[in-house]
Amino acid sequence: MNFEIVSGDITQQTTAVAVVNLFSGVTSPGGATGAVDSAIGSTISKLIEAGEIKGGASEATLIHTLDHHDNFGPDRVLVAGLGKAKSLDLVAIRNIAAVVARRVRSIGVTEATTILHGAGIGGIDPSDSAEAIVEGSILGTYEFKNYKSSSEDDADQNAGLETLTIIELDPQKASDIRDAVDRSTKMANAEALARDLVNHPPNIMTPTRLAEEAANVAESTPGLKLTILERADAEKMGMGAYLGVAQGSHEPPKIIRLDYVGDPDDADNNLWIIGKGITFDSGGLSLKPSSGMETMKSDMAGGASVIAAAKAIAEIAPKINITALCLATENMPGGGAQRVSDVVQAMNGKFIEVLNTDAEGRLTLADALCYARENGAKRMVDVATLTGGIVVALGKGNSGAFSNDDELVNALISAGDKRGQSFWRLPLDDVAKRQNRSNIADLKNTGGRLAHAITAAHFIGEFAEDTPWVHLDIAATAMSDVDAGILTMGATGVPTRTLVQLALDLAAQNS
């Protein structure tokens, strides 16, 4: 989708659809909406009076204006409901933009023009509103149809919104808005890429294919360097926890590393973003029920998000060094699979008793964090679809956050707030930590059902040691089973945009 910024009057634009807005409770529209209303014979006011337009959140009313009004450029007017003025925020604007873009697509229109939602009496900064509109438009119209066979006639229908023009009356603000649109386009496209990687079926998106996709990202993105390490490399480094997970699959494991050097004079100004990369999780010998495997192609959503985030970070080019790391493998119950009660040794020498082979993500992350620390990581964020416990604890509205560093986790939560992705910090208490004690090894890979998400985070924290670290459990938020606002059915891409924003914020702190 392309975005253009124009300074002018929306009533004079030659466009298929002019998008204006209305707060609920407003009976006489003002501003740009009022100007459009006057130009089309008070049609909006009449529909408000008739009760057809109420201004409710995400309401979308289409009015045809072809050839009916002199000195009026648009062929149609779409009135987007903003809901109550006191409730309007950037999350709402993203969702409104998504609804509008889907409505425009449904009538087969490929271009539209919109005013900035909330930038007038709503009090929203114009650049922030523009970013939210871009993100909502791109992500709200995301589709994954790679494996659908369709006729030529079907392919011609509803091609999708290709160009969205954003109107800003003040020419002096246009430059800032252009920069914001450029930045948010990169972020939203990266999150769409993460969705693509997750939505592919697991027989296609194997560790080898994920490495190939990372290679494509590096090749198409100046400033990104790709390193792929193989099983033999992992063996030399002593990654016994990771290799224990991988040994049940015929698919070779792949260590995927992407480096962006934005501050070459300060190697310590770095952030490692580390994603769980289980491209399919059967549970291993601790086999999941069949219904529990239906979404397990998404067990590499963390890896997808860090690969995609690295692309957007390199494109935006902040002054910070970023490494994205994904230890990819399948977790399968093959004849060589690790057994329940096996003991494996992680890269840092710690012995782990494996009491549940379905607690495999934390094993791969253990070696990933060891690798990051040995290679100079000063700050680490890991992202994983890790536990069903986080779904029970938080539902689907929040991802869980755990940390050993208040400053880093607060920065991440703030970055998420800016991008409309919510993270809720949970404790790392000593009582839950004791549940990971093993009678025969340094620790065991499951602490039982109680405080499941917390004990899993404690396990990973053993390998972060004293390096500032945040663990994000996205098991509840990595997939959506509905189309709602910017979410579409399937992978969500969470937390790609948050990781990009975190990198930008950390870079700004050091500038």
Protein backbone atom coordinates (compact mmCIF):
# COMPACT_ATOMS: atom_id res chain seq x y z
CA MET A 1 0.00 0.00 0.00
CA ASN A 2 1.27 3.45 -0.94
CA PHE A 3 0.68 6.58 1.14
CA GLU A 4 0.69 10.16 -0.10
CA ILE A 5 0.56 13.36 1.95
CA VAL A 6 -1.34 16.29 0.47
CA SER A 7 -2.02 19.74 1.84
CA GLY A 8 -5.44 20.96 0.82
CA ASP A 9 -9.21 20.80 1.14
CA ILE A 10 -10.72 17.33 1.07
CA THR A 11 -13.82 18.58 -0.73
CA GLN A 12 -11.66 19.47 -3.73
CA GLN A 13 -9.83 16.14 -4.04
CA THR A 14 -10.48 13.93 -7.04
CA THR A 15 -10.80 10.61 -5.27
CA ALA A 16 -12.98 7.52 -5.27
CA VAL A 17 -13.65 7.80 -1.52
CA ALA A 18 -13.22 10.72 0.86
CA VAL A 19 -12.98 9.54 4.47
CA VAL A 20 -14.20 11.90 7.19
CA ASN A 21 -15.20 11.20 10.77
CA LEU A 22 -17.70 11.87 13.52
CA PHE A 23 -17.73 11.53 17.29
CA SER A 24 -20.77 9.88 18.83
CA GLY A 25 -23.34 12.36 20.12
CA VAL A 26 -22.48 15.04 17.57
CA THR A 27 -25.59 16.31 15.79
CA SER A 28 -23.99 19.06 13.71
CA PRO A 29 -20.62 18.06 12.22
CA GLY A 30 -17.81 20.60 12.11
CA GLY A 31 -14.32 20.86 10.69
CA ALA A 32 -13.56 18.87 7.54
CA THR A 33 -16.64 16.71 8.09
CA GLY A 34 -18.78 19.84 8.29
CA ALA A 35 -17.25 21.18 5.08
CA VAL A 36 -18.04 17.93 3.28
CA ASP A 37 -21.55 17.93 4.75
CA SER A 38 -22.20 21.43 3.40
CA ALA A 39 -20.84 20.49 -0.01
CA ILE A 40 -23.17 17.51 -0.38
CA GLY A 41 -26.37 19.20 0.72
CA SER A 42 -26.22 18.38 4.45
CA THR A 43 -26.55 14.67 3.69
CA ILE A 44 -24.47 13.71 6.72
CA SER A 45 -26.59 15.87 9.03
CA LYS A 46 -29.77 14.36 7.60
CA LEU A 47 -28.47 10.82 8.17
CA ILE A 48 -27.51 11.77 11.74
CA GLU A 49 -31.03 13.09 12.29
CA ALA A 50 -32.49 9.90 10.81
CA GLY A 51 -30.38 7.79 13.17
CA GLU A 52 -28.41 6.07 10.41
CA ILE A 53 -25.14 7.73 11.42
CA LYS A 54 -24.43 7.62 15.15
CA GLY A 55 -20.67 8.08 15.25
CA GLY A 56 -20.17 4.88 17.18
CA ALA A 57 -16.67 3.43 17.35
CA SER A 58 -15.69 1.81 14.04
CA GLU A 59 -19.04 2.60 12.39
CA ALA A 60 -18.57 3.11 8.64
CA THR A 61 -21.31 4.74 6.55
CA LEU A 62 -20.83 5.05 2.79
CA ILE A 63 -22.53 7.89 0.87
CA HIS A 64 -22.47 7.98 -2.94
CA THR A 65 -21.94 11.48 -4.37
CA LEU A 66 -21.21 10.75 -8.04
CA ASP A 67 -22.40 13.59 -10.30
CA HIS A 68 -24.76 14.95 -7.66
CA HIS A 69 -22.83 17.98 -6.42
CA ASP A 70 -21.05 20.82 -8.18
CA ASN A 71 -17.58 21.81 -7.01
CA PHE A 72 -17.12 18.54 -5.06
CA GLY A 73 -14.37 16.15 -6.13
CA PRO A 74 -14.91 12.81 -4.33
CA ASP A 75 -17.15 10.14 -5.85
CA ARG A 76 -18.13 8.82 -2.40
CA VAL A 77 -17.93 9.88 1.22
CA LEU A 78 -17.25 7.43 4.01
CA VAL A 79 -18.12 8.64 7.50
CA ALA A 80 -16.05 6.82 10.11
CA GLY A 81 -17.37 6.68 13.65
CA LEU A 82 -14.84 7.68 16.30
CA GLY A 83 -16.93 6.78 19.35
CA LYS A 84 -16.84 9.01 22.43
CA ALA A 85 -14.34 11.84 22.30
CA LYS A 86 -12.91 11.00 25.72
CA SER A 87 -12.16 7.43 24.58
CA LEU A 88 -10.29 8.33 21.40
CA ASP A 89 -6.67 7.22 21.41
CA LEU A 90 -4.17 5.79 18.93
CA VAL A 91 -5.42 2.24 19.46
CA ALA A 92 -8.90 3.38 18.47
CA ILE A 93 -7.55 5.24 15.44
CA ARG A 94 -5.65 2.14 14.27
CA ASN A 95 -8.82 0.09 14.55
CA ILE A 96 -10.92 2.75 12.81
CA ALA A 97 -8.41 2.92 9.96
CA ALA A 98 -8.52 -0.87 9.64
CA VAL A 99 -12.32 -0.89 9.44
CA VAL A 100 -12.28 1.89 6.86
CA ALA A 101 -9.66 0.16 4.71
CA ARG A 102 -11.61 -3.10 4.74
CA ARG A 103 -14.83 -1.25 3.86
CA VAL A 104 -13.11 0.49 0.94
CA ARG A 105 -11.68 -2.81 -0.25
CA SER A 106 -15.12 -4.44 -0.08
CA ILE A 107 -16.47 -2.09 -2.76
CA GLY A 108 -13.56 -2.75 -5.09
CA VAL A 109 -11.96 0.67 -4.74
CA THR A 110 -8.17 0.86 -4.95
CA GLU A 111 -7.59 4.44 -3.77
CA ALA A 112 -9.04 6.75 -1.14
CA THR A 113 -8.34 10.01 0.66
CA THR A 114 -8.67 10.52 4.41
CA ILE A 115 -8.48 13.30 6.93
CA LEU A 116 -6.40 12.78 10.08
CA HIS A 117 -8.60 11.22 12.74
CA GLY A 118 -8.53 13.02 16.07
CA ALA A 119 -6.05 15.68 14.96
CA GLY A 120 -8.55 18.50 15.47
CA ILE A 121 -10.70 18.71 18.59
CA GLY A 122 -9.60 15.18 19.44
CA GLY A 123 -6.23 16.56 20.52
CA ILE A 124 -4.15 13.84 18.81
CA ASP A 125 -0.79 14.91 17.37
CA PRO A 126 -1.10 14.91 13.54
CA SER A 127 2.01 12.76 13.06
CA ASP A 128 0.79 10.23 15.62
CA SER A 129 -2.61 10.10 13.93
CA ALA A 130 -0.94 9.56 10.55
CA GLU A 131 1.16 6.70 11.94
CA ALA A 132 -1.90 5.05 13.43
CA ILE A 133 -3.82 5.37 10.15
CA VAL A 134 -0.94 3.78 8.24
CA GLU A 135 -0.57 0.89 10.66
CA GLY A 136 -4.30 0.28 10.80
CA SER A 137 -4.69 0.40 7.03
CA ILE A 138 -1.81 -2.01 6.31
CA LEU A 139 -2.47 -4.50 9.09
CA GLY A 140 -6.26 -4.30 8.92
CA THR A 141 -6.25 -5.36 5.26
CA TYR A 142 -3.60 -8.03 5.66
CA GLU A 143 -4.48 -11.31 3.94
CA PHE A 144 -2.66 -14.60 3.59
CA LYS A 145 -3.89 -16.50 0.55
CA ASN A 146 -0.72 -18.22 -0.63
CA TYR A 147 -2.34 -21.63 -0.74
CA LYS A 148 -5.77 -20.71 -2.16
CA SER A 149 -6.56 -21.73 -5.73
CA SER A 150 -8.77 -19.12 -7.38
CA SER A 151 -10.18 -18.44 -10.82
CA GLU A 152 -9.10 -15.45 -12.88
CA ASP A 153 -12.47 -13.81 -12.22
CA ASP A 154 -12.01 -14.19 -8.46
CA ALA A 155 -8.52 -12.73 -8.66
CA ASP A 156 -9.86 -9.58 -10.35
CA GLN A 157 -12.37 -8.85 -7.60
CA ASN A 158 -11.56 -6.49 -4.72
CA ALA A 159 -7.89 -6.09 -5.54
CA GLY A 160 -7.43 -4.09 -2.35
CA LEU A 161 -6.62 -0.55 -1.31
CA GLU A 162 -3.44 0.41 -3.16
CA THR A 163 -3.08 4.14 -2.43
CA LEU A 164 -4.27 6.13 0.56
CA THR A 165 -3.86 9.90 0.51
CA ILE A 166 -3.73 11.70 3.85
CA ILE A 167 -4.94 15.30 3.88
CA GLU A 168 -3.34 17.89 6.16
CA LEU A 169 -4.49 21.49 5.81
CA ASP A 170 -1.31 22.97 7.34
CA PRO A 171 1.58 22.70 4.82
CA GLN A 172 4.16 23.19 7.60
CA LYS A 173 3.10 19.95 9.25
CA ALA A 174 3.32 17.91 6.05
CA SER A 175 7.06 17.21 6.34
CA ASP A 176 6.78 15.77 9.86
CA ILE A 177 3.81 13.71 8.76
CA ARG A 178 5.76 12.32 5.80
CA ASP A 179 8.55 11.17 8.13
CA ALA A 180 6.01 9.55 10.46
CA VAL A 181 4.27 7.81 7.58
CA ASP A 182 7.57 6.48 6.24
CA ARG A 183 8.55 5.12 9.67
CA SER A 184 5.18 3.52 10.42
CA THR A 185 4.99 1.99 6.93
CA LYS A 186 8.27 0.18 7.60
CA MET A 187 7.01 -1.00 10.98
CA ALA A 188 3.65 -2.22 9.71
CA ASN A 189 5.18 -3.96 6.69
CA ALA A 190 7.60 -5.72 9.03
CA GLU A 191 4.73 -6.92 11.20
CA ALA A 192 2.96 -8.16 8.08
CA LEU A 193 6.14 -10.07 7.20
CA ALA A 194 6.11 -11.70 10.63
CA ARG A 195 2.50 -12.72 10.02
CA ASP A 196 3.48 -14.25 6.69
CA LEU A 197 6.27 -16.31 8.24
CA VAL A 198 3.96 -17.71 10.90
CA ASN A 199 0.99 -18.34 8.60
CA HIS A 200 2.91 -20.65 6.28
CA PRO A 201 2.18 -24.33 7.01
CA PRO A 202 4.85 -26.21 8.98
CA ASN A 203 5.73 -28.54 6.12
CA ILE A 204 6.79 -25.41 4.22
CA MET A 205 8.15 -23.21 7.02
CA THR A 206 10.82 -25.61 8.24
CA PRO A 207 14.01 -24.39 9.97
CA THR A 208 15.73 -24.45 6.57
CA ARG A 209 12.99 -22.35 4.96
CA LEU A 210 13.03 -19.90 7.89
CA ALA A 211 16.77 -19.49 7.38
CA GLU A 212 16.14 -18.88 3.66
CA GLU A 213 13.54 -16.23 4.50
CA ALA A 214 16.05 -14.55 6.81
CA ALA A 215 18.54 -14.61 3.93
CA ASN A 216 15.96 -12.88 1.72
CA VAL A 217 15.46 -10.24 4.41
CA ALA A 218 19.20 -9.62 4.68
CA GLU A 219 19.66 -9.50 0.90
CA SER A 220 16.88 -6.95 0.46
CA THR A 221 17.82 -4.77 3.44
CA PRO A 222 21.03 -2.71 3.34
CA GLY A 223 22.79 -2.75 6.69
CA LEU A 224 21.78 -6.27 7.73
CA LYS A 225 24.35 -9.05 7.97
CA LEU A 226 23.21 -12.69 8.05
CA THR A 227 24.95 -15.58 9.78
CA ILE A 228 23.60 -19.14 9.64
CA LEU A 229 25.11 -21.76 11.94
CA GLU A 230 24.49 -25.50 11.56
CA ARG A 231 24.15 -28.49 13.87
CA ALA A 232 27.90 -29.04 13.88
CA ASP A 233 28.44 -25.45 15.04
CA ALA A 234 25.95 -25.94 17.86
CA GLU A 235 27.72 -29.13 18.89
CA LYS A 236 31.09 -27.33 19.03
CA MET A 237 29.58 -24.61 21.21
CA GLY A 238 28.04 -27.14 23.59
CA MET A 239 24.40 -26.26 22.95
CA GLY A 240 23.09 -29.48 24.50
CA ALA A 241 19.72 -28.03 25.55
CA TYR A 242 18.92 -26.83 22.01
CA LEU A 243 20.23 -29.97 20.33
CA GLY A 244 18.24 -32.16 22.70
CA VAL A 245 15.05 -30.60 21.33
CA ALA A 246 16.26 -30.94 17.74
CA GLN A 247 17.29 -34.59 17.87
CA GLY A 248 13.80 -36.01 17.29
CA SER A 249 13.34 -34.33 13.89
CA HIS A 250 14.63 -35.22 10.44
CA GLU A 251 14.77 -31.47 9.69
CA PRO A 252 18.21 -29.99 10.47
CA PRO A 253 18.28 -27.22 13.08
CA LYS A 254 19.38 -23.74 12.00
CA ILE A 255 20.84 -20.95 14.10
CA ILE A 256 19.77 -17.68 12.46
CA ARG A 257 21.54 -14.44 13.32
CA LEU A 258 20.95 -10.99 11.82
CA ASP A 259 23.20 -8.07 12.78
CA TYR A 260 22.60 -4.35 12.30
CA VAL A 261 25.43 -2.06 13.36
CA GLY A 262 23.99 1.41 13.90
CA ASP A 263 26.64 2.57 16.38
CA PRO A 264 29.96 1.17 15.21
CA ASP A 265 31.93 3.33 17.69
CA ASP A 266 30.22 1.80 20.73
CA ALA A 267 29.87 -1.97 20.63
CA ASP A 268 28.27 -1.97 24.09
CA ASN A 269 25.34 0.10 22.83
CA ASN A 270 23.53 -3.04 21.82
CA LEU A 271 20.24 -4.88 22.17
CA TRP A 272 19.77 -8.55 21.37
CA ILE A 273 16.26 -9.61 20.37
CA ILE A 274 15.94 -13.37 20.67
CA GLY A 275 12.99 -15.34 19.30
CA LYS A 276 11.81 -18.85 20.00
CA GLY A 277 11.97 -20.73 16.69
CA ILE A 278 10.10 -24.03 17.03
CA THR A 279 8.69 -24.32 13.51
CA PHE A 280 6.39 -27.11 14.64
CA ASP A 281 5.81 -28.34 18.16
CA SER A 282 4.30 -31.79 18.53
CA GLY A 283 5.31 -31.85 22.18
CA GLY A 284 7.94 -34.48 21.48
CA LEU A 285 7.47 -37.70 23.44
CA SER A 286 5.29 -35.69 25.86
CA LEU A 287 2.89 -35.61 22.92
CA LYS A 288 0.24 -32.91 22.72
CA PRO A 289 -3.38 -33.91 22.03
CA SER A 290 -4.25 -33.47 18.35
CA SER A 291 -6.32 -30.35 18.99
CA GLY A 292 -3.35 -28.85 20.82
CA MET A 293 -1.22 -29.11 17.70
CA GLU A 294 -3.56 -27.22 15.38
CA THR A 295 -1.83 -23.86 15.95
CA MET A 296 1.65 -25.18 16.66
CA LYS A 297 3.02 -23.85 13.39
CA SER A 298 2.92 -20.59 15.37
CA ASP A 299 5.52 -21.81 17.86
CA MET A 300 8.11 -19.87 15.86
CA ALA A 301 6.19 -16.58 16.16
CA GLY A 302 8.87 -15.17 18.43
CA GLY A 303 11.55 -15.98 15.87
CA ALA A 304 9.44 -14.48 13.09
CA SER A 305 8.97 -11.26 15.05
CA VAL A 306 12.68 -10.70 15.70
CA ILE A 307 13.63 -11.40 12.08
CA ALA A 308 10.98 -8.97 10.85
CA ALA A 309 11.86 -6.36 13.47
CA ALA A 310 15.52 -6.47 12.42
CA LYS A 311 14.46 -5.58 8.88
CA ALA A 312 12.48 -2.50 9.95
CA ILE A 313 15.20 -1.39 12.38
CA ALA A 314 17.85 -1.54 9.65
CA GLU A 315 15.57 0.39 7.28
CA ILE A 316 14.94 3.15 9.84
CA ALA A 317 18.63 3.12 10.90
CA PRO A 318 18.72 4.27 14.55
CA LYS A 319 22.03 4.75 16.37
CA ILE A 320 22.12 1.41 18.19
CA ASN A 321 23.48 -2.06 17.47
CA ILE A 322 20.84 -4.77 17.10
CA THR A 323 21.25 -8.52 16.85
CA ALA A 324 18.26 -10.73 16.09
CA LEU A 325 18.79 -14.37 17.04
CA CYS A 326 16.60 -17.42 16.42
CA LEU A 327 17.56 -21.01 17.23
CA ALA A 328 15.17 -22.82 14.88
CA THR A 329 14.16 -26.47 15.06
CA GLU A 330 11.17 -28.78 15.14
CA ASN A 331 10.11 -30.63 18.30
CA MET A 332 9.16 -34.10 17.06
CA PRO A 333 8.71 -37.57 18.63
CA GLY A 334 11.04 -39.43 16.24
CA GLY A 335 13.03 -42.49 17.17
CA GLY A 336 15.95 -40.33 18.22
CA ALA A 337 13.86 -37.91 20.30
CA GLN A 338 15.00 -36.98 23.77
CA ARG A 339 13.28 -38.93 26.51
CA VAL A 340 11.51 -37.81 29.64
CA SER A 341 14.12 -37.82 32.45
CA ASP A 342 17.03 -37.16 30.07
CA VAL A 343 19.65 -34.75 31.37
CA VAL A 344 21.16 -32.24 28.95
CA GLN A 345 23.90 -29.68 29.40
CA ALA A 346 23.44 -26.10 28.24
CA MET A 347 26.13 -23.95 26.67
CA ASN A 348 27.08 -22.40 30.03
CA GLY A 349 27.65 -25.81 31.61
CA LYS A 350 24.42 -26.09 33.59
CA PHE A 351 22.72 -29.48 33.67
CA ILE A 352 18.97 -29.66 33.02
CA GLU A 353 16.67 -32.54 33.86
CA VAL A 354 14.06 -32.83 31.10
CA LEU A 355 10.82 -33.90 32.79
CA ASN A 356 8.53 -32.68 29.99
CA THR A 357 9.66 -32.68 26.37
CA ASP A 358 6.83 -30.25 25.61
CA ALA A 359 8.65 -27.63 27.70
CA GLU A 360 11.11 -27.30 24.84
CA GLY A 361 11.06 -23.61 24.07
CA ARG A 362 12.84 -22.71 27.27
CA LEU A 363 15.57 -25.24 26.43
CA THR A 364 16.31 -23.55 23.10
CA LEU A 365 16.17 -20.11 24.71
CA ALA A 366 18.60 -21.22 27.42
CA ASP A 367 21.31 -21.82 24.84
CA ALA A 368 20.27 -18.73 22.87
CA LEU A 369 20.77 -16.47 25.89
CA CYS A 370 24.09 -18.14 26.68
CA TYR A 371 25.22 -17.50 23.10
CA ALA A 372 24.09 -13.86 23.29
CA ARG A 373 25.96 -13.25 26.54
CA GLU A 374 29.14 -14.89 25.26
CA ASN A 375 28.97 -12.64 22.20
CA GLY A 376 28.72 -9.40 24.13
CA ALA A 377 25.00 -8.83 24.70
CA LYS A 378 24.42 -5.92 27.09
CA ARG A 379 20.60 -6.01 26.94
CA MET A 380 18.39 -8.91 25.89
CA VAL A 381 14.72 -9.35 25.07
CA ASP A 382 13.46 -12.84 24.33
CA VAL A 383 10.10 -13.48 22.68
CA ALA A 384 8.35 -16.83 22.92
CA THR A 385 5.00 -18.54 22.59
CA LEU A 386 5.99 -20.26 25.80
CA THR A 387 3.16 -21.30 28.11
CA GLY A 388 -0.54 -22.00 28.25
CA GLY A 389 -0.29 -20.57 31.75
CA ILE A 390 0.03 -17.04 30.41
CA VAL A 391 -3.24 -17.46 28.51
CA VAL A 392 -5.00 -18.48 31.73
CA ALA A 393 -3.38 -15.64 33.68
CA LEU A 394 -3.88 -12.74 31.26
CA GLY A 395 -6.34 -13.82 28.58
CA LYS A 396 -5.79 -12.57 25.03
CA GLY A 397 -5.52 -8.86 25.72
CA ASN A 398 -1.97 -8.79 27.06
CA SER A 399 1.37 -10.47 26.57
CA GLY A 400 3.27 -11.37 29.71
CA ALA A 401 6.52 -9.60 30.59
CA PHE A 402 9.14 -10.76 33.08
CA SER A 403 12.44 -9.07 33.82
CA ASN A 404 15.47 -8.70 36.04
CA ASP A 405 15.81 -5.03 35.12
CA ASP A 406 13.19 -2.35 35.87
CA GLU A 407 14.58 0.18 33.40
CA LEU A 408 14.58 -2.18 30.42
CA VAL A 409 11.17 -3.69 31.07
CA ASN A 410 9.62 -0.25 31.63
CA ALA A 411 11.12 0.91 28.34
CA LEU A 412 9.64 -2.10 26.57
CA ILE A 413 6.18 -1.64 28.10
CA SER A 414 6.29 2.04 27.10
CA ALA A 415 7.29 1.08 23.55
CA GLY A 416 4.36 -1.32 23.44
CA ASP A 417 1.98 1.39 24.60
CA LYS A 418 3.15 3.62 21.75
CA ARG A 419 2.36 0.86 19.25
CA GLY A 420 -0.88 -0.35 20.81
CA GLN A 421 0.57 -3.65 22.03
CA SER A 422 -0.02 -4.29 25.71
CA PHE A 423 2.45 -6.05 28.03
CA TRP A 424 1.72 -6.88 31.65
CA ARG A 425 4.63 -7.43 34.00
CA LEU A 426 4.43 -10.47 36.27
CA PRO A 427 6.65 -11.22 39.26
CA LEU A 428 9.71 -13.42 39.47
CA ASP A 429 9.30 -14.54 43.08
CA ASP A 430 11.47 -16.90 45.10
CA VAL A 431 8.62 -19.28 45.91
CA ALA A 432 7.97 -20.02 42.23
CA LYS A 433 11.69 -20.22 41.51
CA ARG A 434 12.10 -23.11 43.96
CA GLN A 435 9.69 -25.17 41.86
CA ASN A 436 12.42 -25.53 39.21
CA ARG A 437 14.82 -27.33 41.57
CA SER A 438 15.93 -30.79 40.47
CA ASN A 439 17.07 -33.61 42.70
CA ILE A 440 19.75 -34.78 40.25
CA ALA A 441 20.66 -31.73 38.12
CA ASP A 442 21.10 -27.98 38.41
CA LEU A 443 17.46 -27.46 37.51
CA LYS A 444 14.54 -29.13 35.76
CA ASN A 445 12.69 -27.83 32.74
CA THR A 446 9.25 -27.71 34.33
CA GLY A 447 8.07 -26.39 37.67
CA GLY A 448 4.61 -27.94 37.43
CA ARG A 449 1.21 -26.39 36.87
CA LEU A 450 1.29 -23.76 39.62
CA ALA A 451 2.62 -20.39 38.41
CA HIS A 452 3.47 -22.09 35.12
CA ALA A 453 4.35 -18.92 33.20
CA ILE A 454 6.44 -17.64 36.11
CA THR A 455 8.44 -20.83 36.60
CA ALA A 456 9.14 -20.91 32.85
CA ALA A 457 10.41 -17.34 33.00
CA HIS A 458 12.54 -18.21 36.02
CA PHE A 459 14.10 -21.05 34.03
CA ILE A 460 15.11 -18.71 31.21
CA GLY A 461 16.33 -16.15 33.73
CA GLU A 462 18.89 -18.67 34.99
CA PHE A 463 20.70 -18.18 31.67
CA ALA A 464 20.29 -14.40 31.51
CA GLU A 465 22.16 -14.18 34.81
CA ASP A 466 23.02 -10.53 35.57
CA THR A 467 22.58 -9.18 32.01
CA PRO A 468 19.54 -6.84 31.78
CA TRP A 469 16.83 -9.05 30.29
CA VAL A 470 13.14 -9.13 29.47
CA HIS A 471 11.16 -12.27 28.66
CA LEU A 472 7.94 -11.85 26.67
CA ASP A 473 5.45 -14.71 26.71
CA ILE A 474 3.21 -14.18 23.66
CA ALA A 475 1.37 -17.51 23.74
CA ALA A 476 -1.93 -15.66 24.14
CA THR A 477 -1.36 -12.93 21.58
CA ALA A 478 0.55 -14.54 18.70
CA MET A 479 -2.60 -15.73 16.94
CA SER A 480 -6.09 -14.32 16.44
CA ASP A 481 -9.20 -16.37 15.71
CA VAL A 482 -11.23 -13.33 14.55
CA ASP A 483 -10.94 -10.29 12.31
CA ALA A 484 -11.08 -7.37 14.76
CA GLY A 485 -9.56 -3.95 14.21
CA ILE A 486 -5.97 -4.33 13.03
CA LEU A 487 -6.02 -8.05 13.80
CA THR A 488 -6.92 -10.51 11.10
CA MET A 489 -7.51 -14.22 11.53
CA GLY A 490 -4.22 -16.05 11.92
CA ALA A 491 -0.87 -14.68 13.01
CA THR A 492 -0.79 -11.22 14.62
CA GLY A 493 2.91 -10.40 14.24
CA VAL A 494 3.10 -9.35 17.91
CA PRO A 495 5.46 -7.88 19.14
CA THR A 496 7.31 -6.78 15.96
CA ARG A 497 6.41 -3.08 16.10
CA THR A 498 7.13 -2.94 19.82
CA LEU A 499 10.65 -4.31 19.29
CA VAL A 500 11.30 -1.71 16.60
CA GLN A 501 9.98 1.08 18.83
CA LEU A 502 12.13 -0.15 21.72
CA ALA A 503 15.23 0.04 19.54
CA LEU A 504 14.31 3.60 18.49
CA ASP A 505 13.67 4.65 22.09
CA LEU A 506 16.93 3.17 23.38
CA ALA A 507 18.82 4.85 20.56
CA ALA A 508 17.21 8.19 21.41
CA GLN A 509 18.29 7.83 25.05
CA ASN A 510 21.92 7.53 23.98
CA SER A 511 21.90 10.31 21.42
